[in-house]
């Protein structure tokens, strides 16, 4: 099975793409244990410790591949598939299904925000924007050109979209406060996921992207 797993190297600052060895790629990671790849990829800073792995006589220290522009690695996956897979994925005969985890509204009171407020807001916006741009450039370069049948599935986590899906938001719940450690939101997120899945027509081109014009 061809896989692409992203990690961020804390020693070099580079995003590294852990893939199986192919005739056309660097053949650098094919013998890396899957466990190391997964532990490195999920090591979200402040939530989980960095993962150190010994590989071919060198130590690598990795954190979550989403630190940077590869949180949504659909573009990198397209490049890997068409250029480095040994022609197993052919232009015009390949379909990509890209699933997002929901876009959160990141409101800020610009007139009252302090330096910490701005720092957190800028970080959240950069990560969100990079994900959307990955989607756009993949569609623009590969989907629109017919090289890949590219289908993106994503939604805004806003009250307007929840009403469209028929999902009831409990009183007092702020969707914008659902961070990666929001254990309290697991049941709500499952309801949203199931309601969104019910709306998907996998025969429809382009996928499904539910957006709202209001928070």
Protein backbone atom coordinates (compact mmCIF):
# COMPACT_ATOMS: atom_id res chain seq x y z
CA UNK A 1 0.00 0.00 0.00
CA UNK A 2 1.41 3.39 -0.97
CA UNK A 3 1.38 5.87 1.89
CA UNK A 4 2.56 9.43 2.45
CA UNK A 5 3.00 10.57 6.04
CA UNK A 6 4.17 14.09 6.87
CA UNK A 7 6.47 15.11 9.72
CA UNK A 8 8.29 18.32 10.64
CA UNK A 9 11.99 17.91 11.46
CA UNK A 10 12.81 20.07 14.49
CA UNK A 11 16.53 19.96 13.74
CA UNK A 12 16.41 21.15 10.12
CA UNK A 13 13.04 22.93 10.05
CA UNK A 14 12.09 20.93 6.96
CA UNK A 15 8.84 19.11 6.30
CA UNK A 16 9.67 15.52 5.42
CA UNK A 17 7.42 13.16 3.49
CA UNK A 18 7.72 9.57 4.66
CA UNK A 19 6.90 7.27 1.76
CA UNK A 20 7.80 3.80 0.60
CA UNK A 21 10.83 3.46 -1.65
CA UNK A 22 9.99 3.89 -5.33
CA UNK A 23 12.21 3.76 -8.43
CA UNK A 24 11.65 7.49 -9.02
CA UNK A 25 12.03 8.89 -5.50
CA UNK A 26 14.97 9.37 -3.14
CA UNK A 27 14.46 5.91 -1.57
CA UNK A 28 15.19 7.45 1.80
CA UNK A 29 12.42 6.23 4.10
CA UNK A 30 11.20 2.83 2.86
CA UNK A 31 12.76 0.89 5.74
CA UNK A 32 11.53 3.28 8.47
CA UNK A 33 9.20 1.44 10.90
CA UNK A 34 5.61 2.58 10.47
CA UNK A 35 5.42 3.17 14.22
CA UNK A 36 8.07 5.90 14.01
CA UNK A 37 6.32 7.57 11.09
CA UNK A 38 2.97 7.66 12.89
CA UNK A 39 4.36 8.81 16.25
CA UNK A 40 6.26 11.59 14.54
CA UNK A 41 3.27 12.69 12.48
CA UNK A 42 0.86 12.95 15.44
CA UNK A 43 3.28 14.73 17.83
CA UNK A 44 1.35 18.00 17.93
CA UNK A 45 3.46 20.51 19.92
CA UNK A 46 2.25 21.14 23.50
CA UNK A 47 -0.15 18.17 23.22
CA UNK A 48 2.34 15.33 22.67
CA UNK A 49 6.12 15.13 23.06
CA UNK A 50 8.37 15.25 19.97
CA UNK A 51 9.26 11.82 18.63
CA UNK A 52 12.91 10.82 18.24
CA UNK A 53 13.75 8.03 15.80
CA UNK A 54 17.03 6.39 14.83
CA UNK A 55 17.20 5.75 11.10
CA UNK A 56 20.21 4.73 9.02
CA UNK A 57 22.64 5.84 11.69
CA UNK A 58 21.07 9.25 12.30
CA UNK A 59 18.66 10.58 14.90
CA UNK A 60 15.63 12.49 13.68
CA UNK A 61 13.36 14.49 16.00
CA UNK A 62 9.92 15.06 14.54
CA UNK A 63 6.70 16.84 15.41
CA UNK A 64 3.30 16.93 13.73
CA UNK A 65 3.51 17.30 9.96
CA UNK A 66 0.74 19.88 10.19
CA UNK A 67 3.23 22.39 11.62
CA UNK A 68 3.67 24.40 8.43
CA UNK A 69 1.88 23.98 5.12
CA UNK A 70 1.41 20.20 5.06
CA UNK A 71 -1.45 19.76 7.50
CA UNK A 72 -3.56 19.07 4.42
CA UNK A 73 -1.00 17.30 2.18
CA UNK A 74 -3.25 16.76 -0.85
CA UNK A 75 -0.88 18.59 -3.21
CA UNK A 76 2.13 16.60 -2.01
CA UNK A 77 0.11 13.39 -2.36
CA UNK A 78 -0.77 14.32 -5.94
CA UNK A 79 2.89 14.94 -6.79
CA UNK A 80 3.96 11.69 -5.16
CA UNK A 81 1.27 9.70 -6.96
CA UNK A 82 1.85 11.03 -10.46
CA UNK A 83 5.62 11.51 -10.47
CA UNK A 84 7.11 9.05 -7.98
CA UNK A 85 4.85 5.99 -7.87
CA UNK A 86 6.34 4.07 -10.76
CA UNK A 87 3.31 4.82 -12.98
CA UNK A 88 0.83 3.05 -10.71
CA UNK A 89 -1.27 6.24 -10.65
CA UNK A 90 -1.79 7.58 -14.15
CA UNK A 91 -2.96 11.08 -15.16
CA UNK A 92 -6.64 11.01 -16.09
CA UNK A 93 -7.17 7.67 -14.32
CA UNK A 94 -6.60 8.69 -10.69
CA UNK A 95 -9.18 9.87 -8.15
CA UNK A 96 -8.28 11.65 -4.93
CA UNK A 97 -10.69 11.96 -1.99
CA UNK A 98 -9.56 14.66 0.45
CA UNK A 99 -11.34 14.89 3.81
CA UNK A 100 -11.05 17.95 6.03
CA UNK A 101 -11.70 18.07 9.76
CA UNK A 102 -13.85 21.20 9.68
CA UNK A 103 -13.02 24.90 9.58
CA UNK A 104 -13.37 26.72 12.88
CA UNK A 105 -14.24 30.43 13.04
CA UNK A 106 -11.38 32.40 14.61
CA UNK A 107 -12.87 35.70 15.72
CA UNK A 108 -10.70 38.37 17.36
CA UNK A 109 -11.53 41.76 18.84
CA UNK A 110 -8.91 43.66 16.88
CA UNK A 111 -9.31 46.83 18.95
CA UNK A 112 -8.72 45.12 22.29
CA UNK A 113 -6.40 42.23 21.41
CA UNK A 114 -3.02 42.03 23.15
CA UNK A 115 0.18 40.54 21.74
CA UNK A 116 -0.71 37.02 22.97
CA UNK A 117 -4.19 37.24 21.44
CA UNK A 118 -2.66 38.29 18.11
CA UNK A 119 -0.02 35.57 18.21
CA UNK A 120 -2.59 32.80 18.75
CA UNK A 121 -4.93 34.26 16.13
CA UNK A 122 -2.20 34.55 13.50
CA UNK A 123 -1.10 30.94 14.15
CA UNK A 124 -4.64 29.61 13.81
CA UNK A 125 -5.26 31.62 10.65
CA UNK A 126 -1.99 30.51 9.02
CA UNK A 127 -2.79 26.84 9.61
CA UNK A 128 -6.36 27.26 8.32
CA UNK A 129 -5.32 29.26 5.28
CA UNK A 130 -2.55 26.84 4.33
CA UNK A 131 -5.06 23.98 4.31
CA UNK A 132 -7.43 25.88 2.02
CA UNK A 133 -4.58 26.87 -0.29
CA UNK A 134 -3.41 23.28 -0.57
CA UNK A 135 -6.92 22.40 -1.69
CA UNK A 136 -7.01 25.25 -4.20
CA UNK A 137 -3.66 24.58 -5.85
CA UNK A 138 -4.39 20.84 -6.08
CA UNK A 139 -7.71 21.56 -7.76
CA UNK A 140 -6.14 24.24 -9.99
CA UNK A 141 -3.12 22.24 -11.16
CA UNK A 142 -4.46 18.70 -11.14
CA UNK A 143 -8.24 18.74 -10.85
CA UNK A 144 -9.09 21.48 -13.34
CA UNK A 145 -6.58 20.08 -15.82
CA UNK A 146 -8.17 16.61 -15.62
CA UNK A 147 -4.97 14.99 -14.41
CA UNK A 148 -6.68 13.89 -11.16
CA UNK A 149 -10.36 13.52 -10.34
CA UNK A 150 -9.97 15.65 -7.20
CA UNK A 151 -12.79 15.66 -4.63
CA UNK A 152 -12.63 17.67 -1.41
CA UNK A 153 -14.99 17.16 1.54
CA UNK A 154 -15.02 19.97 4.10
CA UNK A 155 -17.38 22.15 6.11
CA UNK A 156 -17.48 25.29 8.25
CA UNK A 157 -18.11 24.54 11.91
CA UNK A 158 -20.55 27.41 12.31
CA UNK A 159 -24.14 27.66 13.61
CA UNK A 160 -25.41 28.33 10.07
CA UNK A 161 -23.92 25.11 8.70
CA UNK A 162 -25.07 23.18 11.77
CA UNK A 163 -28.63 24.33 11.08
CA UNK A 164 -28.27 23.22 7.47
CA UNK A 165 -27.13 19.79 8.67
CA UNK A 166 -29.82 19.56 11.34
CA UNK A 167 -27.28 19.32 14.16
CA UNK A 168 -28.41 20.88 17.46
CA UNK A 169 -25.71 22.80 19.29
CA UNK A 170 -26.10 22.44 23.09
CA UNK A 171 -26.85 25.70 24.94
CA UNK A 172 -23.73 27.60 25.90
CA UNK A 173 -21.43 25.72 23.51
CA UNK A 174 -19.08 27.88 21.46
CA UNK A 175 -18.00 26.03 18.33
CA UNK A 176 -14.96 28.28 18.07
CA UNK A 177 -13.60 26.91 21.36
CA UNK A 178 -13.21 23.33 20.08
CA UNK A 179 -9.45 22.88 20.25
CA UNK A 180 -7.57 19.64 19.67
CA UNK A 181 -7.92 18.83 23.37
CA UNK A 182 -11.70 19.39 23.50
CA UNK A 183 -12.68 15.99 24.90
CA UNK A 184 -16.05 17.46 25.84
CA UNK A 185 -16.85 17.88 22.13
CA UNK A 186 -16.30 14.28 21.00
CA UNK A 187 -19.99 13.34 20.95
CA UNK A 188 -20.93 16.59 19.19
CA UNK A 189 -18.20 16.10 16.59
CA UNK A 190 -19.45 12.58 15.92
CA UNK A 191 -22.94 13.93 15.33
CA UNK A 192 -21.56 16.54 12.93
CA UNK A 193 -19.49 13.93 11.11
CA UNK A 194 -22.43 11.59 10.62
CA UNK A 195 -24.73 14.40 9.47
CA UNK A 196 -22.10 15.61 7.01
CA UNK A 197 -21.48 12.06 5.73
CA UNK A 198 -25.20 11.67 5.05
CA UNK A 199 -24.98 14.63 2.67
CA UNK A 200 -22.12 13.20 0.60
CA UNK A 201 -22.82 11.85 -2.87
CA UNK A 202 -19.62 10.04 -3.83
CA UNK A 203 -20.71 9.99 -7.47
CA UNK A 204 -20.78 13.80 -7.59
CA UNK A 205 -17.65 15.44 -8.98
CA UNK A 206 -15.77 18.01 -6.93
CA UNK A 207 -16.79 16.68 -3.52
CA UNK A 208 -18.77 18.69 -0.95
CA UNK A 209 -17.78 21.93 0.77
CA UNK A 210 -20.37 23.49 3.08
CA UNK A 211 -19.64 27.15 3.75
CA UNK A 212 -21.52 29.84 5.58
CA UNK A 213 -21.49 33.57 5.03
CA UNK A 214 -21.95 34.24 8.77
CA UNK A 215 -19.99 32.91 11.81
